[in-house]
Amino acid sequence: MSQNFRTSLLVLLCASAGLTIASSANADAPSQLYGKTVMLRWQEVRVQRDDSGKTIKVNTSSSVMVYVSDAGRLFTSMSRRNELGSNSNSVDPQGDNQRSGAGASSSLVPSFEGSRLLLNSAMRSGARQIEAAFNPSFSNCSLTVRFGRDGDAQIRHRAMDGRMYNIVSTSVSGTSCAIRSGNALPRS
């Protein structure tokens, strides 16, 4: 695991514990993205084991949209679907989180680090980091999705069937990143 992701995981865990960590350099959205939506999509094949020892393989389609308002505020929506079910969540700049479906992420923390948009999502143990890397003019982007462990602990999460699982392995493919003018977030 890279040092950068370890640091992000530590920051994420501290934020989850209720500690305040502020960094205006990380929070500022690039003005080139004001009034635009960053759309991220990927497929994930995950092998996971439940508490009884039963191992299953699931294929999940994921979508994340981040709207950067004209004031630079970030609004986020994530949806996931597989054979176990589906879930979604939306987060506004004040941190209000609307979730639906079992296993919906309780924390989806977006931030900018230079030309990278990072979204960290804590699991019961471990975390997922979604990274959109932009070209210098912010007209194009690429997507990377990675998982990190908390020390030697297994990555543990609540799946869309409502049960707890340890992730044995995960493979991400079919990544796409696009930028669209306007607010493309679903309306509630």
C-alpha atoms as a PDB file:
ATOM      1  CA  MET A   1       0.000   0.000   0.000  1.00  0.00           C
ATOM      2  CA  SER A   2       1.406   3.403  -0.936  1.00  0.00           C
ATOM      3  CA  GLN A   3       2.418   5.901   1.729  1.00  0.00           C
ATOM      4  CA  ASN A   4      -0.088   8.393   0.273  1.00  0.00           C
ATOM      5  CA  PHE A   5      -2.985   5.951   0.693  1.00  0.00           C
ATOM      6  CA  ARG A   6      -1.840   5.022   4.216  1.00  0.00           C
ATOM      7  CA  THR A   7      -1.937   8.713   5.054  1.00  0.00           C
ATOM      8  CA  SER A   8      -5.394   9.039   3.476  1.00  0.00           C
ATOM      9  CA  LEU A   9      -6.590   5.989   5.411  1.00  0.00           C
ATOM     10  CA  LEU A  10      -5.256   7.505   8.649  1.00  0.00           C
ATOM     11  CA  VAL A  11      -6.990  10.826   7.896  1.00  0.00           C
ATOM     12  CA  LEU A  12     -10.187   8.954   7.043  1.00  0.00           C
ATOM     13  CA  LEU A  13     -10.067   6.943  10.263  1.00  0.00           C
ATOM     14  CA  CYS A  14      -9.420  10.079  12.325  1.00  0.00           C
ATOM     15  CA  ALA A  15     -12.331  11.862  10.623  1.00  0.00           C
ATOM     16  CA  SER A  16     -14.552   8.858  11.314  1.00  0.00           C
ATOM     17  CA  ALA A  17     -13.605   9.089  14.979  1.00  0.00           C
ATOM     18  CA  GLY A  18     -14.956  12.641  15.054  1.00  0.00           C
ATOM     19  CA  LEU A  19     -11.658  14.502  14.940  1.00  0.00           C
ATOM     20  CA  THR A  20     -11.455  17.603  12.776  1.00  0.00           C
ATOM     21  CA  ILE A  21      -8.632  17.774  10.287  1.00  0.00           C
ATOM     22  CA  ALA A  22      -8.674  20.851   8.067  1.00  0.00           C
ATOM     23  CA  SER A  23      -6.529  21.629   5.074  1.00  0.00           C
ATOM     24  CA  SER A  24      -7.688  24.349   2.726  1.00  0.00           C
ATOM     25  CA  ALA A  25      -5.182  23.222   0.068  1.00  0.00           C
ATOM     26  CA  ASN A  26      -6.887  19.810  -0.112  1.00  0.00           C
ATOM     27  CA  ALA A  27     -10.440  21.165  -0.009  1.00  0.00           C
ATOM     28  CA  ASP A  28     -10.258  23.726  -2.833  1.00  0.00           C
ATOM     29  CA  ALA A  29     -11.830  22.536  -6.063  1.00  0.00           C
ATOM     30  CA  PRO A  30     -10.053  23.737  -9.225  1.00  0.00           C
ATOM     31  CA  SER A  31     -11.997  26.617 -10.791  1.00  0.00           C
ATOM     32  CA  GLN A  32     -11.853  24.826 -14.192  1.00  0.00           C
ATOM     33  CA  LEU A  33     -14.370  22.312 -12.747  1.00  0.00           C
ATOM     34  CA  TYR A  34     -16.858  24.863 -11.353  1.00  0.00           C
ATOM     35  CA  GLY A  35     -20.339  24.151 -12.687  1.00  0.00           C
ATOM     36  CA  LYS A  36     -19.350  20.672 -13.921  1.00  0.00           C
ATOM     37  CA  THR A  37     -19.991  17.052 -12.950  1.00  0.00           C
ATOM     38  CA  VAL A  38     -17.217  14.458 -12.814  1.00  0.00           C
ATOM     39  CA  MET A  39     -18.700  11.048 -13.721  1.00  0.00           C
ATOM     40  CA  LEU A  40     -16.825   7.894 -12.635  1.00  0.00           C
ATOM     41  CA  ARG A  41     -17.782   4.299 -13.497  1.00  0.00           C
ATOM     42  CA  TRP A  42     -16.175   0.895 -12.971  1.00  0.00           C
ATOM     43  CA  GLN A  43     -16.802  -2.834 -12.678  1.00  0.00           C
ATOM     44  CA  GLU A  44     -15.556  -4.828  -9.732  1.00  0.00           C
ATOM     45  CA  VAL A  45     -15.246  -8.573  -9.234  1.00  0.00           C
ATOM     46  CA  ARG A  46     -14.958  -9.333  -5.552  1.00  0.00           C
ATOM     47  CA  VAL A  47     -14.386 -12.641  -3.766  1.00  0.00           C
ATOM     48  CA  GLN A  48     -15.602 -12.375  -0.172  1.00  0.00           C
ATOM     49  CA  ARG A  49     -16.074 -14.699   2.784  1.00  0.00           C
ATOM     50  CA  ASP A  50     -18.896 -14.465   5.335  1.00  0.00           C
ATOM     51  CA  ASP A  51     -18.543 -15.248   9.043  1.00  0.00           C
ATOM     52  CA  SER A  52     -19.587 -18.892   8.520  1.00  0.00           C
ATOM     53  CA  GLY A  53     -16.681 -19.370   6.076  1.00  0.00           C
ATOM     54  CA  LYS A  54     -18.822 -19.436   2.920  1.00  0.00           C
ATOM     55  CA  THR A  55     -17.053 -17.753  -0.012  1.00  0.00           C
ATOM     56  CA  ILE A  56     -18.954 -16.012  -2.800  1.00  0.00           C
ATOM     57  CA  LYS A  57     -17.973 -14.081  -5.921  1.00  0.00           C
ATOM     58  CA  VAL A  58     -19.927 -10.959  -6.860  1.00  0.00           C
ATOM     59  CA  ASN A  59     -19.783  -8.689  -9.902  1.00  0.00           C
ATOM     60  CA  THR A  60     -20.580  -5.079  -9.034  1.00  0.00           C
ATOM     61  CA  SER A  61     -21.239  -2.073 -11.267  1.00  0.00           C
ATOM     62  CA  SER A  62     -20.409   1.225  -9.573  1.00  0.00           C
ATOM     63  CA  SER A  63     -21.037   4.852 -10.446  1.00  0.00           C
ATOM     64  CA  VAL A  64     -19.928   8.009  -8.649  1.00  0.00           C
ATOM     65  CA  MET A  65     -20.812  11.550  -9.660  1.00  0.00           C
ATOM     66  CA  VAL A  66     -19.291  14.650  -8.096  1.00  0.00           C
ATOM     67  CA  TYR A  67     -20.857  17.989  -8.946  1.00  0.00           C
ATOM     68  CA  VAL A  68     -18.640  21.031  -8.333  1.00  0.00           C
ATOM     69  CA  SER A  69     -20.950  24.009  -7.835  1.00  0.00           C
ATOM     70  CA  ASP A  70     -20.234  27.503  -9.176  1.00  0.00           C
ATOM     71  CA  ALA A  71     -19.013  28.278  -5.626  1.00  0.00           C
ATOM     72  CA  GLY A  72     -16.644  25.269  -5.605  1.00  0.00           C
ATOM     73  CA  ARG A  73     -18.766  23.170  -3.211  1.00  0.00           C
ATOM     74  CA  LEU A  74     -18.811  19.392  -3.752  1.00  0.00           C
ATOM     75  CA  PHE A  75     -22.012  17.336  -4.023  1.00  0.00           C
ATOM     76  CA  THR A  76     -21.517  13.573  -4.353  1.00  0.00           C
ATOM     77  CA  SER A  77     -23.706  10.654  -5.399  1.00  0.00           C
ATOM     78  CA  MET A  78     -22.658   6.980  -5.460  1.00  0.00           C
ATOM     79  CA  SER A  79     -24.658   3.962  -6.622  1.00  0.00           C
ATOM     80  CA  ARG A  80     -23.699   0.290  -6.748  1.00  0.00           C
ATOM     81  CA  ARG A  81     -25.548  -2.765  -8.067  1.00  0.00           C
ATOM     82  CA  ASN A  82     -24.832  -6.510  -8.075  1.00  0.00           C
ATOM     83  CA  GLU A  83     -26.633  -9.840  -7.712  1.00  0.00           C
ATOM     84  CA  LEU A  84     -26.981  -9.296  -3.934  1.00  0.00           C
ATOM     85  CA  GLY A  85     -28.874  -6.014  -4.349  1.00  0.00           C
ATOM     86  CA  SER A  86     -28.200  -2.330  -4.819  1.00  0.00           C
ATOM     87  CA  ASN A  87     -27.454   0.727  -2.730  1.00  0.00           C
ATOM     88  CA  SER A  88     -26.825   4.430  -3.092  1.00  0.00           C
ATOM     89  CA  ASN A  89     -25.846   7.467  -1.109  1.00  0.00           C
ATOM     90  CA  SER A  90     -25.635  11.202  -1.662  1.00  0.00           C
ATOM     91  CA  VAL A  91     -23.530  13.641   0.342  1.00  0.00           C
ATOM     92  CA  ASP A  92     -23.834  17.434   0.336  1.00  0.00           C
ATOM     93  CA  PRO A  93     -21.080  19.909   1.345  1.00  0.00           C
ATOM     94  CA  GLN A  94     -22.362  20.052   4.938  1.00  0.00           C
ATOM     95  CA  GLY A  95     -21.829  16.284   5.254  1.00  0.00           C
ATOM     96  CA  ASP A  96     -25.526  15.371   5.211  1.00  0.00           C
ATOM     97  CA  ASN A  97     -25.695  11.803   3.899  1.00  0.00           C
ATOM     98  CA  GLN A  98     -28.809  10.191   2.420  1.00  0.00           C
ATOM     99  CA  ARG A  99     -28.395   6.408   2.094  1.00  0.00           C
ATOM    100  CA  SER A 100     -30.564   3.631   0.756  1.00  0.00           C
ATOM    101  CA  GLY A 101     -29.972  -0.111   0.553  1.00  0.00           C
ATOM    102  CA  ALA A 102     -27.901  -2.445   2.721  1.00  0.00           C
ATOM    103  CA  GLY A 103     -24.174  -1.802   2.664  1.00  0.00           C
ATOM    104  CA  ALA A 104     -24.485   1.820   1.493  1.00  0.00           C
ATOM    105  CA  SER A 105     -21.349   3.710   2.447  1.00  0.00           C
ATOM    106  CA  SER A 106     -21.765   5.767   5.595  1.00  0.00           C
ATOM    107  CA  SER A 107     -18.844   7.993   4.673  1.00  0.00           C
ATOM    108  CA  LEU A 108     -17.831   9.197   1.251  1.00  0.00           C
ATOM    109  CA  VAL A 109     -15.263  11.931   1.761  1.00  0.00           C
ATOM    110  CA  PRO A 110     -14.313  13.948  -1.372  1.00  0.00           C
ATOM    111  CA  SER A 111     -11.288  16.240  -1.543  1.00  0.00           C
ATOM    112  CA  PHE A 112      -8.915  17.692  -4.117  1.00  0.00           C
ATOM    113  CA  GLU A 113      -5.137  17.355  -4.025  1.00  0.00           C
ATOM    114  CA  GLY A 114      -3.850  19.451  -6.901  1.00  0.00           C
ATOM    115  CA  SER A 115      -5.125  17.844 -10.116  1.00  0.00           C
ATOM    116  CA  ARG A 116      -6.569  14.782  -8.350  1.00  0.00           C
ATOM    117  CA  LEU A 117     -10.049  14.265  -6.955  1.00  0.00           C
ATOM    118  CA  LEU A 118      -9.974  11.738  -4.100  1.00  0.00           C
ATOM    119  CA  LEU A 119     -13.003  10.031  -2.571  1.00  0.00           C
ATOM    120  CA  ASN A 120     -12.291   7.920   0.487  1.00  0.00           C
ATOM    121  CA  SER A 121     -14.883   5.483   1.735  1.00  0.00           C
ATOM    122  CA  ALA A 122     -14.352   3.769   5.084  1.00  0.00           C
ATOM    123  CA  MET A 123     -15.428   0.171   5.503  1.00  0.00           C
ATOM    124  CA  ARG A 124     -15.856  -1.656   8.814  1.00  0.00           C
ATOM    125  CA  SER A 125     -12.123  -2.346   8.539  1.00  0.00           C
ATOM    126  CA  GLY A 126     -10.063  -0.875   5.705  1.00  0.00           C
ATOM    127  CA  ALA A 127     -11.153   1.593   3.045  1.00  0.00           C
ATOM    128  CA  ARG A 128     -11.693   2.194  -0.661  1.00  0.00           C
ATOM    129  CA  GLN A 129     -10.061   5.136  -2.415  1.00  0.00           C
ATOM    130  CA  ILE A 130     -11.462   6.408  -5.701  1.00  0.00           C
ATOM    131  CA  GLU A 131      -9.081   8.723  -7.588  1.00  0.00           C
ATOM    132  CA  ALA A 132      -9.816  10.832 -10.661  1.00  0.00           C
ATOM    133  CA  ALA A 133      -6.618  12.288 -12.141  1.00  0.00           C
ATOM    134  CA  PHE A 134      -7.083  15.274 -14.475  1.00  0.00           C
ATOM    135  CA  ASN A 135      -4.977  16.583 -17.343  1.00  0.00           C
ATOM    136  CA  PRO A 136      -3.513  20.117 -16.905  1.00  0.00           C
ATOM    137  CA  SER A 137      -6.557  21.843 -18.483  1.00  0.00           C
ATOM    138  CA  PHE A 138      -9.072  19.709 -16.499  1.00  0.00           C
ATOM    139  CA  SER A 139     -10.764  18.687 -19.765  1.00  0.00           C
ATOM    140  CA  ASN A 140     -10.002  14.968 -19.449  1.00  0.00           C
ATOM    141  CA  CYS A 141      -9.526  12.494 -16.605  1.00  0.00           C
ATOM    142  CA  SER A 142      -8.665   8.894 -15.724  1.00  0.00           C
ATOM    143  CA  LEU A 143      -9.928   6.722 -12.873  1.00  0.00           C
ATOM    144  CA  THR A 144      -8.146   4.475 -10.368  1.00  0.00           C
ATOM    145  CA  VAL A 145      -9.930   2.503  -7.618  1.00  0.00           C
ATOM    146  CA  ARG A 146      -7.855   0.922  -4.848  1.00  0.00           C
ATOM    147  CA  PHE A 147      -8.442  -0.754  -1.502  1.00  0.00           C
ATOM    148  CA  GLY A 148      -6.374  -0.408   1.656  1.00  0.00           C
ATOM    149  CA  ARG A 149      -6.117  -2.471   4.818  1.00  0.00           C
ATOM    150  CA  ASP A 150      -5.971  -1.140   8.319  1.00  0.00           C
ATOM    151  CA  GLY A 151      -2.629  -2.661   9.360  1.00  0.00           C
ATOM    152  CA  ASP A 152      -2.794  -6.458   9.133  1.00  0.00           C
ATOM    153  CA  ALA A 153      -6.592  -6.597   9.512  1.00  0.00           C
ATOM    154  CA  GLN A 154      -8.676  -8.000   6.682  1.00  0.00           C
ATOM    155  CA  ILE A 155     -10.857  -5.599   4.722  1.00  0.00           C
ATOM    156  CA  ARG A 156     -14.322  -6.052   6.208  1.00  0.00           C
ATOM    157  CA  HIS A 157     -17.611  -4.568   5.036  1.00  0.00           C
ATOM    158  CA  ARG A 158     -21.392  -4.951   5.030  1.00  0.00           C
ATOM    159  CA  ALA A 159     -22.522  -6.178   1.606  1.00  0.00           C
ATOM    160  CA  MET A 160     -25.726  -5.392  -0.257  1.00  0.00           C
ATOM    161  CA  ASP A 161     -27.389  -8.486   1.242  1.00  0.00           C
ATOM    162  CA  GLY A 162     -26.926  -6.923   4.707  1.00  0.00           C
ATOM    163  CA  ARG A 163     -24.344  -9.479   5.876  1.00  0.00           C
ATOM    164  CA  MET A 164     -20.752  -8.872   6.972  1.00  0.00           C
ATOM    165  CA  TYR A 165     -17.936 -10.167   4.743  1.00  0.00           C
ATOM    166  CA  ASN A 166     -14.148 -10.174   4.646  1.00  0.00           C
ATOM    167  CA  ILE A 167     -12.808  -9.306   1.201  1.00  0.00           C
ATOM    168  CA  VAL A 168     -10.545 -12.112  -0.042  1.00  0.00           C
ATOM    169  CA  SER A 169      -9.710 -10.429  -3.364  1.00  0.00           C
ATOM    170  CA  THR A 170     -11.027  -7.709  -5.625  1.00  0.00           C
ATOM    171  CA  SER A 171     -10.365  -6.840  -9.250  1.00  0.00           C
ATOM    172  CA  VAL A 172     -11.376  -3.525 -10.816  1.00  0.00           C
ATOM    173  CA  SER A 173     -11.909  -3.158 -14.577  1.00  0.00           C
ATOM    174  CA  GLY A 174     -13.807  -1.060 -17.110  1.00  0.00           C
ATOM    175  CA  THR A 175     -12.901   2.237 -15.459  1.00  0.00           C
ATOM    176  CA  SER A 176     -14.128   5.445 -17.075  1.00  0.00           C
ATOM    177  CA  CYS A 177     -13.932   9.092 -16.117  1.00  0.00           C
ATOM    178  CA  ALA A 178     -15.788  11.894 -17.881  1.00  0.00           C
ATOM    179  CA  ILE A 179     -16.503  15.570 -17.262  1.00  0.00           C
ATOM    180  CA  ARG A 180     -19.866  17.074 -18.164  1.00  0.00           C
ATOM    181  CA  SER A 181     -21.082  20.665 -17.950  1.00  0.00           C
ATOM    182  CA  GLY A 182     -23.866  21.297 -15.461  1.00  0.00           C
ATOM    183  CA  ASN A 183     -25.299  19.298 -12.586  1.00  0.00           C
ATOM    184  CA  ALA A 184     -25.874  15.671 -13.636  1.00  0.00           C
ATOM    185  CA  LEU A 185     -26.699  14.398 -10.130  1.00  0.00           C
ATOM    186  CA  PRO A 186     -29.991  12.562  -9.743  1.00  0.00           C
ATOM    187  CA  ARG A 187     -32.772  14.749  -8.370  1.00  0.00           C
ATOM    188  CA  SER A 188     -34.525  13.507  -5.235  1.00  0.00           C
END
